[in-house]
């Protein structure tokens, strides 16, 4: 266990960040799942919102920027095919 007060604070901050990142990641994964299940016009309406969520994850460092690009590309193809 940490002995210095600054290290204890860092542990608390890291735990808070980890919980926040888990929440954002899970919310985005659920949105991706819902987008994949959507059909037609509903899918095209949801896509920009989900793409934005993915971009935010990449910006925060929760996922790698290339993974974000790959996810968006695959979802764009799937959305275009659903039209």
N, C-alpha and C. Protein backbone atom coordinates (compact mmCIF):
# COMPACT_ATOMS: atom_id res chain seq x y z
N UNK A 1 0.84 -1.19 0.00
CA UNK A 1 0.00 0.00 0.00
C UNK A 1 0.88 1.24 0.00
N UNK A 2 0.38 2.30 -0.57
CA UNK A 2 1.12 3.56 -0.68
C UNK A 2 1.33 4.18 0.69
N UNK A 3 2.48 4.83 0.86
CA UNK A 3 2.79 5.46 2.13
C UNK A 3 2.74 6.98 2.06
N UNK A 4 3.10 7.55 0.92
CA UNK A 4 3.10 9.00 0.78
C UNK A 4 1.69 9.49 0.44
N UNK A 5 1.39 10.68 0.94
CA UNK A 5 0.04 11.21 0.71
C UNK A 5 -0.22 11.46 -0.77
N UNK A 6 0.80 11.89 -1.51
CA UNK A 6 0.63 12.14 -2.94
C UNK A 6 0.36 10.83 -3.69
N UNK A 7 1.00 9.76 -3.25
CA UNK A 7 0.79 8.46 -3.89
C UNK A 7 -0.61 7.94 -3.57
N UNK A 8 -1.07 8.17 -2.35
CA UNK A 8 -2.42 7.76 -1.98
C UNK A 8 -3.45 8.51 -2.83
N UNK A 9 -3.20 9.79 -3.03
CA UNK A 9 -4.10 10.59 -3.86
C UNK A 9 -4.09 10.07 -5.29
N UNK A 10 -2.91 9.73 -5.81
CA UNK A 10 -2.80 9.21 -7.18
C UNK A 10 -3.59 7.90 -7.33
N UNK A 11 -3.55 7.07 -6.30
CA UNK A 11 -4.30 5.81 -6.33
C UNK A 11 -5.79 6.10 -6.39
N UNK A 12 -6.25 7.07 -5.60
CA UNK A 12 -7.66 7.44 -5.62
C UNK A 12 -8.07 7.98 -6.98
N UNK A 13 -7.23 8.84 -7.55
CA UNK A 13 -7.54 9.43 -8.85
C UNK A 13 -7.57 8.36 -9.95
N UNK A 14 -6.62 7.44 -9.89
CA UNK A 14 -6.56 6.37 -10.89
C UNK A 14 -7.81 5.50 -10.82
N UNK A 15 -8.27 5.21 -9.61
CA UNK A 15 -9.48 4.40 -9.45
C UNK A 15 -10.69 5.13 -10.02
N UNK A 16 -10.76 6.43 -9.78
CA UNK A 16 -11.88 7.23 -10.29
C UNK A 16 -11.86 7.24 -11.82
N UNK A 17 -10.67 7.43 -12.40
CA UNK A 17 -10.54 7.45 -13.86
C UNK A 17 -10.89 6.09 -14.45
N UNK A 18 -10.43 5.02 -13.79
CA UNK A 18 -10.69 3.68 -14.29
C UNK A 18 -12.20 3.40 -14.33
N UNK A 19 -12.92 3.78 -13.28
CA UNK A 19 -14.37 3.60 -13.25
C UNK A 19 -15.05 4.40 -14.35
N UNK A 20 -14.60 5.64 -14.55
CA UNK A 20 -15.19 6.49 -15.58
C UNK A 20 -14.94 5.89 -16.96
N UNK A 21 -13.71 5.43 -17.20
CA UNK A 21 -13.37 4.84 -18.49
C UNK A 21 -14.17 3.57 -18.74
N UNK A 22 -14.37 2.75 -17.70
CA UNK A 22 -15.16 1.54 -17.84
C UNK A 22 -16.59 1.89 -18.23
N UNK A 23 -17.13 2.94 -17.62
CA UNK A 23 -18.50 3.36 -17.92
C UNK A 23 -18.61 3.81 -19.37
N UNK A 24 -17.72 4.68 -19.81
CA UNK A 24 -17.76 5.18 -21.18
C UNK A 24 -17.57 4.05 -22.18
N UNK A 25 -16.65 3.14 -21.88
CA UNK A 25 -16.39 2.01 -22.78
C UNK A 25 -17.60 1.11 -22.91
N UNK A 26 -18.23 0.79 -21.79
CA UNK A 26 -19.39 -0.10 -21.80
C UNK A 26 -20.57 0.57 -22.51
N UNK A 27 -20.77 1.87 -22.25
CA UNK A 27 -21.86 2.59 -22.90
C UNK A 27 -21.67 2.60 -24.42
N UNK A 28 -20.44 2.81 -24.85
CA UNK A 28 -20.16 2.83 -26.28
C UNK A 28 -20.34 1.45 -26.90
N UNK A 29 -19.90 0.41 -26.21
CA UNK A 29 -20.08 -0.95 -26.72
C UNK A 29 -21.57 -1.28 -26.87
N UNK A 30 -22.38 -0.84 -25.91
CA UNK A 30 -23.82 -1.07 -26.01
C UNK A 30 -24.41 -0.31 -27.20
N UNK A 31 -23.94 0.92 -27.42
CA UNK A 31 -24.43 1.72 -28.55
C UNK A 31 -24.04 1.06 -29.87
N UNK A 32 -22.83 0.50 -29.94
CA UNK A 32 -22.38 -0.19 -31.15
C UNK A 32 -23.26 -1.42 -31.40
N UNK A 33 -23.55 -2.16 -30.34
CA UNK A 33 -24.41 -3.34 -30.47
C UNK A 33 -25.79 -2.95 -30.98
N UNK A 34 -26.34 -1.86 -30.43
CA UNK A 34 -27.67 -1.41 -30.88
C UNK A 34 -27.63 -0.94 -32.33
N UNK A 35 -26.54 -0.29 -32.73
CA UNK A 35 -26.42 0.17 -34.12
C UNK A 35 -26.35 -1.01 -35.07
N UNK A 36 -25.62 -2.05 -34.69
CA UNK A 36 -25.52 -3.24 -35.54
C UNK A 36 -26.88 -3.91 -35.71
N UNK A 37 -27.70 -3.85 -34.68
CA UNK A 37 -29.02 -4.48 -34.73
C UNK A 37 -30.03 -3.62 -35.49
N UNK A 38 -29.76 -2.32 -35.62
CA UNK A 38 -30.71 -1.40 -36.26
C UNK A 38 -30.77 -1.66 -37.77
N UNK A 39 -31.90 -1.31 -38.34
CA UNK A 39 -32.11 -1.50 -39.78
C UNK A 39 -32.51 -0.18 -40.43
N UNK A 40 -32.13 -0.01 -41.67
CA UNK A 40 -32.59 1.10 -42.50
C UNK A 40 -32.29 2.49 -41.98
N UNK A 41 -33.34 3.31 -41.94
CA UNK A 41 -33.19 4.72 -41.59
C UNK A 41 -32.72 4.89 -40.15
N UNK A 42 -33.16 4.00 -39.27
CA UNK A 42 -32.76 4.07 -37.86
C UNK A 42 -31.24 3.95 -37.72
N UNK A 43 -30.63 3.08 -38.51
CA UNK A 43 -29.18 2.89 -38.47
C UNK A 43 -28.45 4.14 -38.94
N UNK A 44 -28.94 4.77 -40.00
CA UNK A 44 -28.28 5.97 -40.52
C UNK A 44 -28.41 7.14 -39.54
N UNK A 45 -29.49 7.17 -38.78
CA UNK A 45 -29.67 8.23 -37.79
C UNK A 45 -28.76 8.03 -36.58
N UNK A 46 -28.54 6.78 -36.18
CA UNK A 46 -27.73 6.48 -35.01
C UNK A 46 -26.23 6.58 -35.28
N UNK A 47 -25.83 6.37 -36.53
CA UNK A 47 -24.40 6.27 -36.83
C UNK A 47 -23.58 7.48 -36.39
N UNK A 48 -23.98 8.73 -36.68
CA UNK A 48 -23.14 9.87 -36.26
C UNK A 48 -22.94 9.95 -34.74
N UNK A 49 -23.98 9.60 -33.99
CA UNK A 49 -23.88 9.63 -32.53
C UNK A 49 -22.87 8.59 -32.03
N UNK A 50 -22.94 7.39 -32.60
CA UNK A 50 -22.04 6.30 -32.19
C UNK A 50 -20.60 6.62 -32.62
N UNK A 51 -20.44 7.17 -33.81
CA UNK A 51 -19.10 7.55 -34.29
C UNK A 51 -18.49 8.60 -33.37
N UNK A 52 -19.31 9.52 -32.90
CA UNK A 52 -18.84 10.55 -31.97
C UNK A 52 -18.38 9.93 -30.65
N UNK A 53 -19.15 8.95 -30.17
CA UNK A 53 -18.77 8.27 -28.93
C UNK A 53 -17.44 7.55 -29.09
N UNK A 54 -17.24 6.93 -30.23
CA UNK A 54 -15.99 6.21 -30.50
C UNK A 54 -14.83 7.20 -30.55
N UNK A 55 -15.03 8.34 -31.21
CA UNK A 55 -13.99 9.36 -31.28
C UNK A 55 -13.60 9.87 -29.90
N UNK A 56 -14.59 10.05 -29.04
CA UNK A 56 -14.32 10.53 -27.69
C UNK A 56 -13.49 9.52 -26.90
N UNK A 57 -13.79 8.22 -27.09
CA UNK A 57 -13.00 7.19 -26.41
C UNK A 57 -11.54 7.25 -26.86
N UNK A 58 -11.34 7.45 -28.16
CA UNK A 58 -9.98 7.52 -28.69
C UNK A 58 -9.28 8.76 -28.16
N UNK A 59 -10.00 9.87 -28.10
CA UNK A 59 -9.41 11.12 -27.62
C UNK A 59 -8.99 11.01 -26.16
N UNK A 60 -9.80 10.31 -25.37
CA UNK A 60 -9.50 10.14 -23.94
C UNK A 60 -8.42 9.09 -23.70
N UNK A 61 -8.10 8.30 -24.73
CA UNK A 61 -7.08 7.27 -24.58
C UNK A 61 -7.63 5.95 -24.07
N UNK A 62 -8.94 5.79 -24.07
CA UNK A 62 -9.53 4.54 -23.61
C UNK A 62 -9.29 3.45 -24.65
N UNK A 63 -9.40 3.82 -25.93
CA UNK A 63 -9.05 2.89 -27.01
C UNK A 63 -8.05 3.59 -27.92
N UNK A 64 -7.33 2.81 -28.71
CA UNK A 64 -6.33 3.36 -29.63
C UNK A 64 -7.02 4.02 -30.81
N UNK A 65 -6.39 5.04 -31.36
CA UNK A 65 -7.02 5.78 -32.47
C UNK A 65 -7.23 4.90 -33.70
N UNK A 66 -6.35 3.94 -33.94
CA UNK A 66 -6.54 3.05 -35.08
C UNK A 66 -7.72 2.10 -34.87
N UNK A 67 -7.90 1.67 -33.63
CA UNK A 67 -9.06 0.82 -33.31
C UNK A 67 -10.34 1.61 -33.54
N UNK A 68 -10.33 2.88 -33.15
CA UNK A 68 -11.49 3.73 -33.35
C UNK A 68 -11.79 3.87 -34.84
N UNK A 69 -10.75 4.07 -35.63
CA UNK A 69 -10.94 4.22 -37.07
C UNK A 69 -11.48 2.93 -37.68
N UNK A 70 -10.96 1.79 -37.24
CA UNK A 70 -11.44 0.50 -37.75
C UNK A 70 -12.91 0.26 -37.38
N UNK A 71 -13.26 0.58 -36.13
CA UNK A 71 -14.65 0.41 -35.70
C UNK A 71 -15.59 1.27 -36.54
N UNK A 72 -15.22 2.54 -36.72
CA UNK A 72 -16.08 3.45 -37.48
C UNK A 72 -16.21 3.00 -38.93
N UNK A 73 -15.12 2.51 -39.50
CA UNK A 73 -15.15 2.04 -40.88
C UNK A 73 -16.09 0.86 -41.04
N UNK A 74 -15.98 -0.12 -40.13
CA UNK A 74 -16.84 -1.29 -40.20
C UNK A 74 -18.31 -0.90 -39.99
N UNK A 75 -18.56 0.01 -39.06
CA UNK A 75 -19.94 0.41 -38.80
C UNK A 75 -20.50 1.20 -40.00
N UNK A 76 -19.66 2.00 -40.65
CA UNK A 76 -20.11 2.76 -41.81
C UNK A 76 -20.51 1.81 -42.94
N UNK A 77 -19.70 0.76 -43.16
CA UNK A 77 -20.03 -0.23 -44.18
C UNK A 77 -21.36 -0.92 -43.86
N UNK A 78 -21.49 -1.31 -42.61
CA UNK A 78 -22.71 -2.02 -42.19
C UNK A 78 -23.93 -1.11 -42.32
N UNK A 79 -23.78 0.16 -41.98
CA UNK A 79 -24.88 1.11 -42.07
C UNK A 79 -25.26 1.35 -43.53
N UNK A 80 -24.26 1.47 -44.39
CA UNK A 80 -24.53 1.68 -45.82
C UNK A 80 -25.23 0.46 -46.42
N UNK A 81 -24.85 -0.72 -45.96
CA UNK A 81 -25.47 -1.93 -46.49
C UNK A 81 -26.92 -2.09 -45.98
N UNK A 82 -27.20 -1.50 -44.83
CA UNK A 82 -28.54 -1.63 -44.24
C UNK A 82 -29.57 -0.74 -44.95
N UNK A 83 -29.13 0.20 -45.78
CA UNK A 83 -30.05 1.12 -46.44
C UNK A 83 -30.99 0.42 -47.38
